[in-house]
C-alpha atoms as a PDB file:
ATOM      1  CA  MET A   1     -17.081   2.132  -1.230  1.00  0.00           C
ATOM      2  CA  ALA A   2     -14.486   4.752  -2.312  1.00  0.00           C
ATOM      3  CA  ALA A   3     -17.149   7.362  -2.506  1.00  0.00           C
ATOM      4  CA  SER A   4     -18.544   6.562   0.899  1.00  0.00           C
ATOM      5  CA  ILE A   5     -14.630   7.088   2.439  1.00  0.00           C
ATOM      6  CA  VAL A   6     -14.447  10.455   0.169  1.00  0.00           C
ATOM      7  CA  ALA A   7     -16.914  11.654   1.196  1.00  0.00           C
ATOM      8  CA  VAL A   8     -16.392  10.849   5.067  1.00  0.00           C
ATOM      9  CA  THR A   9     -13.217  12.089   4.912  1.00  0.00           C
ATOM     10  CA  ASN A  10     -14.752  15.705   3.162  1.00  0.00           C
ATOM     11  CA  THR A  11     -16.736  15.560   6.093  1.00  0.00           C
ATOM     12  CA  ALA A  12     -14.610  15.459   8.499  1.00  0.00           C
ATOM     13  CA  LEU A  13     -12.056  17.697   7.305  1.00  0.00           C
ATOM     14  CA  GLU A  14     -14.809  20.168   6.378  1.00  0.00           C
ATOM     15  CA  VAL A  15     -15.239  20.635  10.743  1.00  0.00           C
ATOM     16  CA  LEU A  16     -11.324  20.883  11.298  1.00  0.00           C
ATOM     17  CA  PRO A  17      -9.672  24.179  11.584  1.00  0.00           C
ATOM     18  CA  PRO A  18      -6.510  24.575   9.018  1.00  0.00           C
ATOM     19  CA  GLU A  19      -3.999  23.010  11.191  1.00  0.00           C
ATOM     20  CA  VAL A  20      -5.379  20.227  11.999  1.00  0.00           C
ATOM     21  CA  ARG A  21      -6.622  19.645   8.111  1.00  0.00           C
ATOM     22  CA  ALA A  22      -2.848  20.070   7.525  1.00  0.00           C
ATOM     23  CA  ILE A  23      -1.957  17.188   9.563  1.00  0.00           C
ATOM     24  CA  ALA A  24      -4.404  15.143   8.214  1.00  0.00           C
ATOM     25  CA  HIS A  25      -2.844  16.318   4.275  1.00  0.00           C
ATOM     26  CA  ALA A  26       0.816  15.781   5.895  1.00  0.00           C
ATOM     27  CA  PHE A  27       0.070  12.271   6.568  1.00  0.00           C
ATOM     28  CA  MET A  28      -1.972  10.717   3.995  1.00  0.00           C
ATOM     29  CA  TYR A  29       0.773  12.616   2.095  1.00  0.00           C
ATOM     30  CA  ALA A  30       3.457  10.648   3.651  1.00  0.00           C
ATOM     31  CA  THR A  31       1.724   7.207   3.764  1.00  0.00           C
ATOM     32  CA  ARG A  32       0.697   7.163   0.237  1.00  0.00           C
ATOM     33  CA  ILE A  33       4.982   7.822  -0.630  1.00  0.00           C
ATOM     34  CA  ARG A  34       6.287   5.597   1.527  1.00  0.00           C
ATOM     35  CA  LEU A  35       3.991   2.625   1.337  1.00  0.00           C
ATOM     36  CA  VAL A  36       4.415   2.350  -1.719  1.00  0.00           C
ATOM     37  CA  ASP A  37       8.213   2.902  -1.693  1.00  0.00           C
ATOM     38  CA  GLY A  38       8.685   0.415   0.518  1.00  0.00           C
ATOM     39  CA  LEU A  39       6.745  -2.373  -0.426  1.00  0.00           C
ATOM     40  CA  VAL A  40       8.974  -2.014  -3.634  1.00  0.00           C
ATOM     41  CA  LYS A  41      12.035  -2.264  -1.778  1.00  0.00           C
ATOM     42  CA  ALA A  42      10.970  -4.859   0.213  1.00  0.00           C
ATOM     43  CA  VAL A  43      10.055  -6.839  -2.397  1.00  0.00           C
ATOM     44  CA  LEU A  44      13.033  -5.705  -4.477  1.00  0.00           C
ATOM     45  CA  TYR A  45      16.416  -5.758  -2.692  1.00  0.00           C
ATOM     46  CA  SER A  46      15.272  -6.599   1.113  1.00  0.00           C
ATOM     47  CA  ASN A  47      17.379  -8.876   2.777  1.00  0.00           C
ATOM     48  CA  LYS A  48      14.941  -8.872   6.115  1.00  0.00           C
ATOM     49  CA  THR A  49      12.066 -11.885   6.851  1.00  0.00           C
ATOM     50  CA  TRP A  50       8.865  -9.918   5.997  1.00  0.00           C
ATOM     51  CA  SER A  51       7.939  -9.205   9.859  1.00  0.00           C
ATOM     52  CA  GLN A  52      11.105  -7.003   9.366  1.00  0.00           C
ATOM     53  CA  GLU A  53      10.720  -5.468   6.427  1.00  0.00           C
ATOM     54  CA  GLY A  54       6.633  -4.254   7.443  1.00  0.00           C
ATOM     55  CA  GLU A  55       7.915  -2.983  10.938  1.00  0.00           C
ATOM     56  CA  SER A  56      10.290  -0.630   9.322  1.00  0.00           C
ATOM     57  CA  ILE A  57       8.154   0.305   6.545  1.00  0.00           C
ATOM     58  CA  ILE A  58       5.315   1.281   9.308  1.00  0.00           C
ATOM     59  CA  LYS A  59       8.450   3.006  11.389  1.00  0.00           C
ATOM     60  CA  LEU A  60       9.152   5.533   8.871  1.00  0.00           C
ATOM     61  CA  THR A  61       5.953   5.152   7.378  1.00  0.00           C
ATOM     62  CA  TRP A  62       4.646   6.891  11.149  1.00  0.00           C
ATOM     63  CA  GLU A  63       8.028   8.955  10.702  1.00  0.00           C
ATOM     64  CA  HIS A  64       7.422  10.716   7.661  1.00  0.00           C
ATOM     65  CA  GLY A  65       4.490  11.403   8.457  1.00  0.00           C
ATOM     66  CA  SER A  66       4.634  12.838  11.929  1.00  0.00           C
ATOM     67  CA  GLN A  67       7.840  14.771  10.910  1.00  0.00           C
ATOM     68  CA  LEU A  68       5.152  16.420   7.122  1.00  0.00           C
ATOM     69  CA  ALA A  69       2.539  17.256  10.306  1.00  0.00           C
ATOM     70  CA  ALA A  70       4.408  18.596  13.020  1.00  0.00           C
ATOM     71  CA  PHE A  71       6.044  21.548  10.148  1.00  0.00           C
ATOM     72  CA  ALA A  72       2.456  21.582   9.124  1.00  0.00           C
ATOM     73  CA  CYS A  73       0.220  22.291  11.658  1.00  0.00           C
ATOM     74  CA  MET A  74       3.292  24.861  13.338  1.00  0.00           C
ATOM     75  CA  TYR A  75       4.759  26.548   9.906  1.00  0.00           C
ATOM     76  CA  LYS A  76       0.390  27.287   9.431  1.00  0.00           C
ATOM     77  CA  ALA A  77       0.033  27.998  13.594  1.00  0.00           C
ATOM     78  CA  ALA A  78       3.033  30.126  13.192  1.00  0.00           C
ATOM     79  CA  ASN A  79       2.066  31.635   9.741  1.00  0.00           C
ATOM     80  CA  ARG A  80      -1.391  32.788  11.282  1.00  0.00           C
ATOM     81  CA  LEU A  81       0.090  34.602  14.736  1.00  0.00           C
ATOM     82  CA  VAL A  82       2.951  36.116  13.120  1.00  0.00           C
ATOM     83  CA  GLY A  83       0.408  37.466  10.782  1.00  0.00           C
ATOM     84  CA  ALA A  84      -1.396  38.545  14.126  1.00  0.00           C
ATOM     85  CA  VAL A  85       1.154  40.148  16.052  1.00  0.00           C
ATOM     86  CA  THR A  86       2.266  42.417  12.799  1.00  0.00           C
ATOM     87  CA  GLY A  87      -0.837  42.917  11.202  1.00  0.00           C
ATOM     88  CA  GLY A  88      -2.644  41.958   7.820  1.00  0.00           C
ATOM     89  CA  THR A  89      -1.034  38.521   6.011  1.00  0.00           C
ATOM     90  CA  THR A  90      -1.402  40.496   1.715  1.00  0.00           C
ATOM     91  CA  GLY A  91       1.443  41.862   0.401  1.00  0.00           C
ATOM     92  CA  GLY A  92       5.299  41.100   0.432  1.00  0.00           C
ATOM     93  CA  GLY A  93       4.725  41.046   4.233  1.00  0.00           C
ATOM     94  CA  HIS A  94       3.317  37.461   3.745  1.00  0.00           C
ATOM     95  CA  GLN A  95       6.527  36.761   2.611  1.00  0.00           C
ATOM     96  CA  VAL A  96       8.154  37.978   6.230  1.00  0.00           C
ATOM     97  CA  HIS A  97       5.656  35.239   7.546  1.00  0.00           C
ATOM     98  CA  ALA A  98       6.334  32.774   6.287  1.00  0.00           C
ATOM     99  CA  ALA A  99      10.404  32.809   6.481  1.00  0.00           C
ATOM    100  CA  VAL A 100       9.752  33.559   9.875  1.00  0.00           C
ATOM    101  CA  ALA A 101       7.312  30.617  10.198  1.00  0.00           C
ATOM    102  CA  GLY A 102       9.491  28.527   8.510  1.00  0.00           C
ATOM    103  CA  PHE A 103      12.715  28.943  10.175  1.00  0.00           C
ATOM    104  CA  LEU A 104      11.073  28.446  13.546  1.00  0.00           C
ATOM    105  CA  GLY A 105       9.423  25.061  12.070  1.00  0.00           C
ATOM    106  CA  GLY A 106      12.898  24.842  10.392  1.00  0.00           C
ATOM    107  CA  TRP A 107      14.376  24.391  13.799  1.00  0.00           C
ATOM    108  CA  MET A 108      11.964  23.251  15.428  1.00  0.00           C
ATOM    109  CA  VAL A 109      11.071  20.000  14.066  1.00  0.00           C
ATOM    110  CA  TRP A 110      13.401  19.511  10.439  1.00  0.00           C
ATOM    111  CA  GLY A 111      16.297  20.191  13.090  1.00  0.00           C
ATOM    112  CA  ARG A 112      16.289  17.545  15.039  1.00  0.00           C
ATOM    113  CA  TYR A 113      19.008  14.665  13.827  1.00  0.00           C
ATOM    114  CA  SER A 114      17.694  11.926  12.107  1.00  0.00           C
ATOM    115  CA  LYS A 115      18.208  10.060   9.055  1.00  0.00           C
ATOM    116  CA  PHE A 116      15.284  11.365   7.268  1.00  0.00           C
ATOM    117  CA  ASN A 117      15.673  14.608   8.377  1.00  0.00           C
ATOM    118  CA  GLU A 118      19.032  14.768   7.089  1.00  0.00           C
ATOM    119  CA  THR A 119      17.650  13.051   3.132  1.00  0.00           C
ATOM    120  CA  LEU A 120      15.206  15.994   3.275  1.00  0.00           C
ATOM    121  CA  ASN A 121      17.112  18.695   4.471  1.00  0.00           C
ATOM    122  CA  LEU A 122      19.751  18.444   1.783  1.00  0.00           C
ATOM    123  CA  TYR A 123      17.239  17.623  -1.231  1.00  0.00           C
ATOM    124  CA  LEU A 124      15.553  20.862  -0.208  1.00  0.00           C
ATOM    125  CA  TYR A 125      19.260  21.827   0.239  1.00  0.00           C
ATOM    126  CA  GLY A 126      20.023  21.516  -3.856  1.00  0.00           C
ATOM    127  CA  ARG A 127      16.614  22.747  -4.478  1.00  0.00           C
ATOM    128  CA  VAL A 128      17.621  25.973  -3.020  1.00  0.00           C
ATOM    129  CA  LEU A 129      20.535  26.967  -4.263  1.00  0.00           C
ATOM    130  CA  TYR A 130      19.016  25.470  -8.114  1.00  0.00           C
ATOM    131  CA  ALA A 131      16.539  27.993  -7.302  1.00  0.00           C
ATOM    132  CA  LEU A 132      18.645  31.029  -5.796  1.00  0.00           C
ATOM    133  CA  ALA A 133      21.341  30.190  -9.061  1.00  0.00           C
ATOM    134  CA  GLN A 134      17.588  30.970 -11.616  1.00  0.00           C
ATOM    135  CA  THR A 135      16.820  33.892  -9.815  1.00  0.00           C
ATOM    136  CA  ALA A 136      20.397  35.372 -10.517  1.00  0.00           C
ATOM    137  CA  GLN A 137      19.903  34.256 -13.647  1.00  0.00           C
ATOM    138  CA  ALA A 138      16.577  36.327 -14.433  1.00  0.00           C
ATOM    139  CA  ARG A 139      18.093  39.518 -12.457  1.00  0.00           C
ATOM    140  CA  GLY A 140      20.630  39.529 -14.674  1.00  0.00           C
ATOM    141  CA  TYR A 141      23.653  38.232 -12.185  1.00  0.00           C
ATOM    142  CA  LEU A 142      24.692  35.203 -14.307  1.00  0.00           C
ATOM    143  CA  PRO A 143      24.631  35.359 -17.852  1.00  0.00           C
ATOM    144  CA  LYS A 144      21.636  34.712 -19.889  1.00  0.00           C
ATOM    145  CA  SER A 145      22.714  33.190 -23.265  1.00  0.00           C
ATOM    146  CA  GLU A 146      21.546  30.113 -22.532  1.00  0.00           C
ATOM    147  CA  THR A 147      18.566  28.497 -20.622  1.00  0.00           C
ATOM    148  CA  LEU A 148      19.764  27.596 -16.813  1.00  0.00           C
ATOM    149  CA  PRO A 149      18.925  23.795 -17.817  1.00  0.00           C
ATOM    150  CA  ALA A 150      20.466  23.343 -20.552  1.00  0.00           C
ATOM    151  CA  GLY A 151      23.456  26.221 -21.755  1.00  0.00           C
ATOM    152  CA  SER A 152      27.111  26.216 -19.891  1.00  0.00           C
ATOM    153  CA  GLY A 153      26.666  27.408 -16.696  1.00  0.00           C
ATOM    154  CA  TYR A 154      24.061  24.725 -15.453  1.00  0.00           C
ATOM    155  CA  ARG A 155      27.085  22.728 -17.355  1.00  0.00           C
ATOM    156  CA  TRP A 156      29.320  24.294 -15.201  1.00  0.00           C
ATOM    157  CA  TRP A 157      27.801  23.706 -12.186  1.00  0.00           C
ATOM    158  CA  SER A 158      27.098  20.100 -13.169  1.00  0.00           C
ATOM    159  CA  ALA A 159      30.563  19.446 -13.780  1.00  0.00           C
ATOM    160  CA  ILE A 160      32.116  21.007 -10.559  1.00  0.00           C
ATOM    161  CA  VAL A 161      29.448  19.480  -8.229  1.00  0.00           C
ATOM    162  CA  TRP A 162      30.594  15.970  -9.751  1.00  0.00           C
ATOM    163  CA  MET A 163      34.066  17.052  -9.663  1.00  0.00           C
ATOM    164  CA  ILE A 164      33.796  17.556  -5.724  1.00  0.00           C
ATOM    165  CA  VAL A 165      31.796  14.947  -5.342  1.00  0.00           C
ATOM    166  CA  MET A 166      34.463  12.219  -6.914  1.00  0.00           C
ATOM    167  CA  TYR A 167      37.294  13.632  -5.426  1.00  0.00           C
ATOM    168  CA  GLN A 168      34.791  13.065  -2.033  1.00  0.00           C
ATOM    169  CA  PHE A 169      34.042   9.369  -2.267  1.00  0.00           C
ATOM    170  CA  GLU A 170      38.074   8.862  -3.465  1.00  0.00           C
ATOM    171  CA  ARG A 171      39.016  10.056  -0.323  1.00  0.00           C
ATOM    172  CA  GLY A 172      37.269   8.033   1.897  1.00  0.00           C
ATOM    173  CA  GLN A 173      34.879   7.729   4.200  1.00  0.00           C
ATOM    174  CA  LYS A 174      36.752   8.936   7.698  1.00  0.00           C
ATOM    175  CA  LYS A 175      39.001  12.471   5.321  1.00  0.00           C
ATOM    176  CA  HIS A 176      36.058  13.618   3.059  1.00  0.00           C
ATOM    177  CA  PRO A 177      32.164  11.921   4.718  1.00  0.00           C
ATOM    178  CA  ILE A 178      29.399  11.586   3.103  1.00  0.00           C
ATOM    179  CA  GLN A 179      26.291  10.878   3.564  1.00  0.00           C
ATOM    180  CA  SER A 180      26.172   6.623   3.661  1.00  0.00           C
ATOM    181  CA  SER A 181      23.605   5.520   1.651  1.00  0.00           C
ATOM    182  CA  LEU A 182      25.148   7.655  -1.263  1.00  0.00           C
ATOM    183  CA  TYR A 183      28.539   6.641  -0.199  1.00  0.00           C
ATOM    184  CA  SER A 184      27.231   2.266  -0.264  1.00  0.00           C
ATOM    185  CA  SER A 185      25.551   3.362  -3.689  1.00  0.00           C
ATOM    186  CA  MET A 186      29.105   4.834  -5.424  1.00  0.00           C
ATOM    187  CA  ASP A 187      30.986   2.296  -4.098  1.00  0.00           C
ATOM    188  CA  TYR A 188      28.855  -0.319  -5.722  1.00  0.00           C
ATOM    189  CA  LEU A 189      29.324   1.994  -8.600  1.00  0.00           C
ATOM    190  CA  TYR A 190      32.835   2.292  -9.303  1.00  0.00           C
ATOM    191  CA  HIS A 191      34.648  -0.124  -6.809  1.00  0.00           C
ATOM    192  CA  LYS A 192      32.663  -3.293  -6.475  1.00  0.00           C
ATOM    193  CA  SER A 193      31.980  -3.327 -10.178  1.00  0.00           C
ATOM    194  CA  ASP A 194      36.622  -4.217 -10.420  1.00  0.00           C
ATOM    195  CA  GLY A 195      35.301  -8.188  -9.161  1.00  0.00           C
ATOM    196  CA  VAL A 196      33.317 -10.639 -10.424  1.00  0.00           C
ATOM    197  CA  GLY A 197      31.382 -12.757  -8.503  1.00  0.00           C
ATOM    198  CA  PHE A 198      27.864 -12.210  -6.874  1.00  0.00           C
ATOM    199  CA  GLN A 199      29.109 -11.017  -3.710  1.00  0.00           C
ATOM    200  CA  ALA A 200      30.575  -8.351  -6.072  1.00  0.00           C
ATOM    201  CA  TRP A 201      27.552  -7.114  -7.908  1.00  0.00           C
ATOM    202  CA  GLY A 202      24.410  -8.783  -5.890  1.00  0.00           C
ATOM    203  CA  ALA A 203      24.781  -8.651  -2.469  1.00  0.00           C
ATOM    204  CA  LYS A 204      23.786  -5.176  -2.188  1.00  0.00           C
ATOM    205  CA  LEU A 205      20.573  -5.680  -4.395  1.00  0.00           C
ATOM    206  CA  GLY A 206      18.807  -7.941  -2.123  1.00  0.00           C
ATOM    207  CA  ARG A 207      15.965  -9.772  -2.021  1.00  0.00           C
ATOM    208  CA  GLY A 208      15.827 -11.137  -6.169  1.00  0.00           C
ATOM    209  CA  ALA A 209      19.525 -10.554  -6.920  1.00  0.00           C
ATOM    210  CA  GLU A 210      20.094 -13.266  -8.608  1.00  0.00           C
ATOM    211  CA  ILE A 211      17.408 -12.351 -11.328  1.00  0.00           C
ATOM    212  CA  MET A 212      18.769  -9.520 -12.020  1.00  0.00           C
ATOM    213  CA  PRO A 213      21.044 -10.329 -14.938  1.00  0.00           C
ATOM    214  CA  LEU A 214      17.464 -11.357 -16.733  1.00  0.00           C
ATOM    215  CA  ALA A 215      15.462  -8.444 -15.969  1.00  0.00           C
ATOM    216  CA  VAL A 216      18.175  -5.992 -17.309  1.00  0.00           C
ATOM    217  CA  ILE A 217      18.740  -8.048 -20.624  1.00  0.00           C
ATOM    218  CA  ALA A 218      14.867  -7.839 -20.947  1.00  0.00           C
ATOM    219  CA  VAL A 219      14.741  -4.244 -20.184  1.00  0.00           C
ATOM    220  CA  VAL A 220      17.358  -3.995 -23.056  1.00  0.00           C
ATOM    221  CA  LEU A 221      15.260  -5.712 -25.645  1.00  0.00           C
ATOM    222  CA  ALA A 222      12.317  -4.025 -24.912  1.00  0.00           C
ATOM    223  CA  LYS A 223      13.511  -0.731 -25.395  1.00  0.00           C
ATOM    224  CA  LEU A 224      14.612  -1.830 -28.831  1.00  0.00           C
ATOM    225  CA  ARG A 225      11.790  -3.056 -29.759  1.00  0.00           C
ATOM    226  CA  GLN A 226      10.312   0.767 -28.927  1.00  0.00           C
END
């Protein structure tokens, strides 16, 4: 059965242009991530009914897939168009074409506000800054005495990031708004932990929260036996 699906998929993709193949890849990638992630969260954390959770998983999977598909298709098409207009796609110009195509896709696709888009943009923002810091170190703009991931530069970066985010958190959402899911997690860890009772430790954990203490004990015991 699996071999037949692979064969049919390969045959179908062979006749499609690269832009359409990118759409197919995007939907397969998003479905693989979102379905598994959604099912795990539904079992462990959700307080919704299975019907409501199923609708939510489908909605998130579609949003993830359609956004990735739109960007992948637009990026490939724009890259090809810019290359055709400027002539050629080799050498340093190819990176310029990629930057222009990325800007257009970022504006048209990821520039539309949604929680998913915000989350992905924040993720990429952090990755971009980290990559720029590594590039700066490689070119001598930052000290090379220690590698960035393990050295003092990394410790400074980590310390400053946590200093700022904890200050913003304690100042409150009205004065220094941070992403709602991040604030909720921090509130559970640093404020709700001052209290006792199920509302303090279990309410946020969703379905199956009652057995989480036993699950934690099981994990600790398993680790001690390793």
